[in-house]
Structure formats: structure tokens, C-alpha cells
C-alpha atoms as a PDB file:
ATOM      1  CA  MET A   1     -24.266-114.741  96.284  1.00  0.00           C
ATOM      2  CA  ALA A   2     -25.294-112.333  99.037  1.00  0.00           C
ATOM      3  CA  VAL A   3     -28.807-111.092  98.267  1.00  0.00           C
ATOM      4  CA  THR A   4     -30.899-108.527 100.145  1.00  0.00           C
ATOM      5  CA  VAL A   5     -34.426-109.834 100.678  1.00  0.00           C
ATOM      6  CA  GLU A   6     -37.428-107.667 101.559  1.00  0.00           C
ATOM      7  CA  GLY A   7     -41.160-108.159 101.583  1.00  0.00           C
ATOM      8  CA  ASP A   8     -44.576-107.023 102.659  1.00  0.00           C
ATOM      9  CA  ASP A   9     -46.319-107.620 105.999  1.00  0.00           C
ATOM     10  CA  LEU A  10     -46.634-111.419 105.749  1.00  0.00           C
ATOM     11  CA  PHE A  11     -42.958-111.660 104.841  1.00  0.00           C
ATOM     12  CA  ARG A  12     -42.022-109.451 107.794  1.00  0.00           C
ATOM     13  CA  TYR A  13     -44.195-111.563 110.097  1.00  0.00           C
ATOM     14  CA  ARG A  14     -42.489-114.797 108.995  1.00  0.00           C
ATOM     15  CA  ILE A  15     -38.947-113.393 108.892  1.00  0.00           C
ATOM     16  CA  GLY A  16     -39.290-111.073 111.874  1.00  0.00           C
ATOM     17  CA  SER A  17     -37.615-108.210 110.046  1.00  0.00           C
ATOM     18  CA  GLU A  18     -38.156-105.802 107.163  1.00  0.00           C
ATOM     19  CA  LYS A  19     -34.987-106.894 105.427  1.00  0.00           C
ATOM     20  CA  VAL A  20     -32.550-109.810 105.617  1.00  0.00           C
ATOM     21  CA  VAL A  21     -29.447-110.873 103.741  1.00  0.00           C
ATOM     22  CA  SER A  22     -29.454-114.440 102.444  1.00  0.00           C
ATOM     23  CA  HIS A  23     -27.745-116.456  99.722  1.00  0.00           C
ATOM     24  CA  GLY A  24     -28.584-118.364  96.569  1.00  0.00           C
ATOM     25  CA  GLU A  25     -27.604-118.656  92.941  1.00  0.00           C
ATOM     26  CA  THR A  26     -31.276-118.775  91.835  1.00  0.00           C
ATOM     27  CA  ILE A  27     -34.652-117.704  93.239  1.00  0.00           C
ATOM     28  CA  GLU A  28     -35.321-121.360  94.101  1.00  0.00           C
ATOM     29  CA  GLN A  29     -32.059-121.713  96.048  1.00  0.00           C
ATOM     30  CA  LEU A  30     -32.786-118.437  97.823  1.00  0.00           C
ATOM     31  CA  ILE A  31     -36.204-119.738  98.917  1.00  0.00           C
ATOM     32  CA  ASN A  32     -34.623-122.985 100.139  1.00  0.00           C
ATOM     33  CA  ASN A  33     -32.021-121.037 102.131  1.00  0.00           C
ATOM     34  CA  LEU A  34     -34.685-118.758 103.601  1.00  0.00           C
ATOM     35  CA  GLU A  35     -36.604-121.887 104.650  1.00  0.00           C
ATOM     36  CA  GLN A  36     -33.556-123.153 106.551  1.00  0.00           C
ATOM     37  CA  GLU A  37     -33.087-119.769 108.215  1.00  0.00           C
ATOM     38  CA  HIS A  38     -36.817-119.144 108.824  1.00  0.00           C
ATOM     39  CA  PRO A  39     -38.815-122.407 108.961  1.00  0.00           C
ATOM     40  CA  GLY A  40     -42.220-122.136 107.297  1.00  0.00           C
ATOM     41  CA  PHE A  41     -41.146-119.570 104.697  1.00  0.00           C
ATOM     42  CA  ARG A  42     -41.206-122.108 101.857  1.00  0.00           C
ATOM     43  CA  ASP A  43     -44.792-123.098 102.656  1.00  0.00           C
ATOM     44  CA  ASP A  44     -45.787-119.429 102.560  1.00  0.00           C
ATOM     45  CA  VAL A  45     -44.493-118.863  99.029  1.00  0.00           C
ATOM     46  CA  LEU A  46     -44.599-122.259  97.247  1.00  0.00           C
ATOM     47  CA  ASN A  47     -47.405-124.603  96.296  1.00  0.00           C
ATOM     48  CA  ASN A  48     -46.384-127.887  97.923  1.00  0.00           C
ATOM     49  CA  SER A  49     -47.866-130.089  95.185  1.00  0.00           C
ATOM     50  CA  THR A  50     -46.297-128.259  92.219  1.00  0.00           C
ATOM     51  CA  ASN A  51     -43.219-126.716  93.864  1.00  0.00           C
ATOM     52  CA  ALA A  52     -44.068-123.494  91.984  1.00  0.00           C
ATOM     53  CA  LEU A  53     -44.783-120.069  93.416  1.00  0.00           C
ATOM     54  CA  ARG A  54     -48.258-119.756  94.872  1.00  0.00           C
ATOM     55  CA  GLU A  55     -50.665-117.854  92.632  1.00  0.00           C
ATOM     56  CA  ASN A  56     -50.854-115.010  95.151  1.00  0.00           C
ATOM     57  CA  VAL A  57     -47.070-114.520  95.447  1.00  0.00           C
ATOM     58  CA  ILE A  58     -45.006-112.190  93.285  1.00  0.00           C
ATOM     59  CA  VAL A  59     -41.215-112.129  93.420  1.00  0.00           C
ATOM     60  CA  ALA A  60     -39.412-109.065  92.100  1.00  0.00           C
ATOM     61  CA  LEU A  61     -35.710-109.087  91.299  1.00  0.00           C
ATOM     62  CA  ASN A  62     -34.169-105.617  91.285  1.00  0.00           C
ATOM     63  CA  GLY A  63     -37.610-104.089  90.715  1.00  0.00           C
ATOM     64  CA  THR A  64     -38.705-106.413  87.883  1.00  0.00           C
ATOM     65  CA  GLU A  65     -40.972-109.426  88.297  1.00  0.00           C
ATOM     66  CA  ALA A  66     -38.975-112.671  88.270  1.00  0.00           C
ATOM     67  CA  LYS A  67     -40.371-114.993  85.600  1.00  0.00           C
ATOM     68  CA  THR A  68     -39.007-118.351  86.775  1.00  0.00           C
ATOM     69  CA  MET A  69     -37.693-120.053  89.888  1.00  0.00           C
ATOM     70  CA  GLU A  70     -34.451-120.657  87.957  1.00  0.00           C
ATOM     71  CA  GLN A  71     -33.872-116.910  87.568  1.00  0.00           C
ATOM     72  CA  PRO A  72     -30.157-116.421  88.338  1.00  0.00           C
ATOM     73  CA  LEU A  73     -29.091-114.113  91.161  1.00  0.00           C
ATOM     74  CA  SER A  74     -25.960-111.996  91.416  1.00  0.00           C
ATOM     75  CA  ASP A  75     -24.126-110.699  94.433  1.00  0.00           C
ATOM     76  CA  GLY A  76     -25.873-107.556  95.690  1.00  0.00           C
ATOM     77  CA  ASP A  77     -29.242-108.263  94.042  1.00  0.00           C
ATOM     78  CA  GLN A  78     -32.447-107.170  95.773  1.00  0.00           C
ATOM     79  CA  VAL A  79     -35.389-109.574  95.949  1.00  0.00           C
ATOM     80  CA  PHE A  80     -38.862-108.538  97.115  1.00  0.00           C
ATOM     81  CA  PHE A  81     -41.644-110.973  98.034  1.00  0.00           C
ATOM     82  CA  SER A  82     -45.205-109.692  97.790  1.00  0.00           C
ATOM     83  CA  TYR A  83     -48.438-111.475  98.695  1.00  0.00           C
ATOM     84  CA  ILE A  84     -51.531-110.476  96.735  1.00  0.00           C
ATOM     85  CA  GLU A  85     -54.707-110.270  98.783  1.00  0.00           C
ATOM     86  CA  SER A  86     -57.606-112.248  97.375  1.00  0.00           C
ATOM     87  CA  GLY A  87     -61.244-112.501  98.215  1.00  0.00           C
ATOM     88  CA  GLY A  88     -64.166-110.216  98.096  1.00  0.00           C
END
């Protein structure tokens, strides 16, 4: 499945572009493919001990927040990664 992937500033810093096209049948597979294409991406978005999205990361699929890593993707979908700032 060809998927368009976009994100905020941290995403752009890691990927080196505003938008990329990648592949995956689920959000999890997409993240794994992005890691192969852009080493370090997985560590930016996943908690290494739980293999779940970090608390400060939101993934939107076609404008709606993805609820699980197993969320299926379809050809032409748009995925957006956003990092929530924390602190005071």
C-alpha cells in the first residue's frame, strides 16, 4: 500500500522532507518501513520497552486519530505524525 506520510517539525527533521511516500498494511508496518528508510524514526515515535506509541505522539489517518498500531492502511491513505510538546 502506497501511503503519503507527513508530520510536524520533528518529523521533517528526521525525514528531511515535509512529505514522503512509504508502504505498509498497518500503522505498525508503516513505522517499521519508515525506520528502514530513515534510521532513528522508530525511536522517535515508539516507546522501546512497550513497543507502543510514545505518550507525546499522535498519529492521524486521513484526518482522524489512529486508535491502534494495527490500524489497517489502504492505498492512497494519508498519515500524519504529530509530537505534542510537554513541559512547563
